[in-house]
């Protein structure tokens, strides 16, 4: 789900003395967008088959 949060104007933040809160929310949104992009990038990775046997009984007699 994309993070499409839109701010009310910065004038309102100044008027209501919310600048610290607004900066904190901006930082959080920046962090979350980066994590979302990282998750999307990792989801595109392919799995490498290493040829590891799934059944140990195959090598029991070795």
N, C-alpha and C. Protein backbone atom coordinates (compact mmCIF):
# COMPACT_ATOMS: atom_id res chain seq x y z
N UNK A 1 0.85 -1.17 0.00
CA UNK A 1 0.00 0.00 0.00
C UNK A 1 0.90 1.24 0.00
N UNK A 2 0.74 2.13 -0.96
CA UNK A 2 1.59 3.31 -1.03
C UNK A 2 1.29 4.29 0.10
N UNK A 3 2.32 5.02 0.49
CA UNK A 3 2.16 6.04 1.53
C UNK A 3 1.88 7.37 0.85
N UNK A 4 0.63 7.72 0.70
CA UNK A 4 0.23 8.94 0.01
C UNK A 4 -0.37 9.93 1.00
N UNK A 5 0.38 10.25 2.02
CA UNK A 5 -0.09 11.17 3.04
C UNK A 5 0.20 12.60 2.59
N UNK A 6 -0.78 13.48 2.71
CA UNK A 6 -0.58 14.87 2.31
C UNK A 6 -0.76 15.77 3.52
N UNK A 7 0.13 16.72 3.64
CA UNK A 7 0.12 17.66 4.76
C UNK A 7 -0.86 18.79 4.54
N UNK A 8 -1.37 19.31 5.66
CA UNK A 8 -2.03 20.60 5.61
C UNK A 8 -0.91 21.62 5.50
N UNK A 9 -1.21 22.85 5.22
CA UNK A 9 -0.17 23.85 5.00
C UNK A 9 0.74 24.06 6.19
N UNK A 10 1.98 24.45 5.91
CA UNK A 10 2.93 24.71 6.98
C UNK A 10 2.51 25.93 7.79
N UNK A 11 1.71 26.81 7.21
CA UNK A 11 1.22 27.97 7.95
C UNK A 11 0.38 27.53 9.14
N UNK A 12 -0.45 26.51 8.94
CA UNK A 12 -1.25 25.99 10.04
C UNK A 12 -0.36 25.38 11.12
N UNK A 13 0.68 24.68 10.72
CA UNK A 13 1.61 24.11 11.69
C UNK A 13 2.27 25.20 12.52
N UNK A 14 2.66 26.30 11.88
CA UNK A 14 3.26 27.42 12.61
C UNK A 14 2.24 28.06 13.53
N UNK A 15 1.05 28.25 13.02
CA UNK A 15 -0.01 28.89 13.80
C UNK A 15 -0.36 28.08 15.04
N UNK A 16 -0.39 26.77 14.91
CA UNK A 16 -0.77 25.90 16.02
C UNK A 16 0.43 25.42 16.83
N UNK A 17 1.63 25.90 16.49
CA UNK A 17 2.87 25.51 17.19
C UNK A 17 3.10 24.00 17.09
N UNK A 18 2.93 23.46 15.90
CA UNK A 18 3.09 22.03 15.65
C UNK A 18 4.39 21.73 14.90
N UNK A 19 5.31 22.66 14.82
CA UNK A 19 6.48 22.46 13.96
C UNK A 19 7.30 21.24 14.37
N UNK A 20 7.51 21.03 15.67
CA UNK A 20 8.27 19.86 16.11
C UNK A 20 7.57 18.57 15.73
N UNK A 21 6.26 18.55 15.93
CA UNK A 21 5.48 17.37 15.57
C UNK A 21 5.51 17.14 14.07
N UNK A 22 5.41 18.22 13.31
CA UNK A 22 5.42 18.11 11.85
C UNK A 22 6.77 17.57 11.36
N UNK A 23 7.86 18.03 11.97
CA UNK A 23 9.18 17.53 11.58
C UNK A 23 9.32 16.06 11.92
N UNK A 24 8.80 15.66 13.07
CA UNK A 24 8.85 14.25 13.46
C UNK A 24 8.07 13.37 12.51
N UNK A 25 6.90 13.84 12.12
CA UNK A 25 6.08 13.07 11.18
C UNK A 25 6.75 13.02 9.81
N UNK A 26 7.36 14.12 9.38
CA UNK A 26 8.10 14.12 8.12
C UNK A 26 9.23 13.09 8.15
N UNK A 27 9.96 13.04 9.26
CA UNK A 27 11.05 12.07 9.39
C UNK A 27 10.51 10.65 9.35
N UNK A 28 9.40 10.42 10.04
CA UNK A 28 8.80 9.09 10.05
C UNK A 28 8.35 8.69 8.65
N UNK A 29 7.70 9.60 7.94
CA UNK A 29 7.25 9.29 6.58
C UNK A 29 8.42 9.02 5.64
N UNK A 30 9.50 9.78 5.79
CA UNK A 30 10.69 9.55 4.97
C UNK A 30 11.25 8.16 5.24
N UNK A 31 11.35 7.80 6.52
CA UNK A 31 11.84 6.48 6.90
C UNK A 31 10.93 5.37 6.35
N UNK A 32 9.62 5.54 6.49
CA UNK A 32 8.68 4.52 6.02
C UNK A 32 8.71 4.37 4.51
N UNK A 33 8.87 5.47 3.80
CA UNK A 33 8.96 5.39 2.33
C UNK A 33 10.22 4.64 1.91
N UNK A 34 11.32 4.87 2.64
CA UNK A 34 12.56 4.15 2.34
C UNK A 34 12.40 2.66 2.62
N UNK A 35 11.76 2.32 3.74
CA UNK A 35 11.53 0.91 4.07
C UNK A 35 10.60 0.26 3.05
N UNK A 36 9.61 1.00 2.58
CA UNK A 36 8.69 0.48 1.58
C UNK A 36 9.44 0.20 0.27
N UNK A 37 10.31 1.11 -0.12
CA UNK A 37 11.10 0.91 -1.34
C UNK A 37 12.04 -0.28 -1.19
N UNK A 38 12.65 -0.42 0.00
CA UNK A 38 13.54 -1.55 0.25
C UNK A 38 12.78 -2.87 0.20
N UNK A 39 11.60 -2.90 0.79
CA UNK A 39 10.78 -4.12 0.77
C UNK A 39 10.39 -4.48 -0.66
N UNK A 40 10.05 -3.49 -1.46
CA UNK A 40 9.69 -3.75 -2.86
C UNK A 40 10.90 -4.29 -3.63
N UNK A 41 12.07 -3.73 -3.35
CA UNK A 41 13.29 -4.19 -4.01
C UNK A 41 13.62 -5.63 -3.61
N UNK A 42 13.51 -5.93 -2.32
CA UNK A 42 13.80 -7.28 -1.84
C UNK A 42 12.79 -8.30 -2.35
N UNK A 43 11.56 -7.88 -2.55
CA UNK A 43 10.52 -8.79 -3.05
C UNK A 43 10.80 -9.21 -4.49
N UNK A 44 11.59 -8.45 -5.22
CA UNK A 44 11.90 -8.76 -6.61
C UNK A 44 13.07 -9.73 -6.75
N UNK A 45 13.76 -10.02 -5.63
CA UNK A 45 14.89 -10.94 -5.69
C UNK A 45 14.42 -12.35 -6.01
N UNK A 46 15.27 -13.07 -6.72
CA UNK A 46 14.96 -14.47 -7.01
C UNK A 46 15.71 -15.37 -6.03
N UNK A 47 15.20 -16.56 -5.87
CA UNK A 47 15.81 -17.53 -4.97
C UNK A 47 16.83 -18.35 -5.74
N UNK A 48 18.01 -18.50 -5.18
CA UNK A 48 19.04 -19.32 -5.81
C UNK A 48 18.96 -20.74 -5.28
N UNK A 49 18.88 -21.70 -6.17
CA UNK A 49 18.87 -23.10 -5.77
C UNK A 49 20.32 -23.54 -5.55
N UNK A 50 20.61 -23.97 -4.34
CA UNK A 50 21.97 -24.35 -3.99
C UNK A 50 22.23 -25.84 -4.12
N UNK A 51 21.22 -26.61 -4.44
CA UNK A 51 21.41 -28.04 -4.60
C UNK A 51 21.56 -28.78 -3.28
N UNK A 52 21.09 -28.22 -2.21
CA UNK A 52 21.16 -28.87 -0.91
C UNK A 52 20.07 -29.92 -0.84
N UNK A 53 20.42 -31.16 -0.47
CA UNK A 53 19.40 -32.21 -0.41
C UNK A 53 18.36 -31.93 0.67
N UNK A 54 17.15 -32.32 0.38
CA UNK A 54 16.06 -32.11 1.35
C UNK A 54 15.88 -33.30 2.25
N UNK A 55 16.45 -34.45 1.90
CA UNK A 55 16.28 -35.66 2.69
C UNK A 55 17.64 -36.19 3.12
N UNK A 56 17.93 -36.24 4.42
CA UNK A 56 19.24 -36.74 4.87
C UNK A 56 19.41 -38.24 4.63
N UNK A 57 18.33 -38.99 4.40
CA UNK A 57 18.43 -40.43 4.19
C UNK A 57 19.22 -40.77 2.92
N UNK A 58 19.30 -39.86 2.00
CA UNK A 58 20.04 -40.07 0.75
C UNK A 58 21.53 -40.30 1.04
N UNK A 59 22.05 -39.68 2.09
CA UNK A 59 23.46 -39.78 2.42
C UNK A 59 23.72 -40.66 3.64
N UNK A 60 22.75 -41.40 4.09
CA UNK A 60 22.88 -42.21 5.30
C UNK A 60 23.93 -43.31 5.14
N UNK A 61 24.08 -43.84 3.95
CA UNK A 61 25.03 -44.93 3.73
C UNK A 61 26.43 -44.47 3.41
N UNK A 62 26.67 -43.20 3.32
CA UNK A 62 27.98 -42.69 2.91
C UNK A 62 29.03 -42.77 3.98
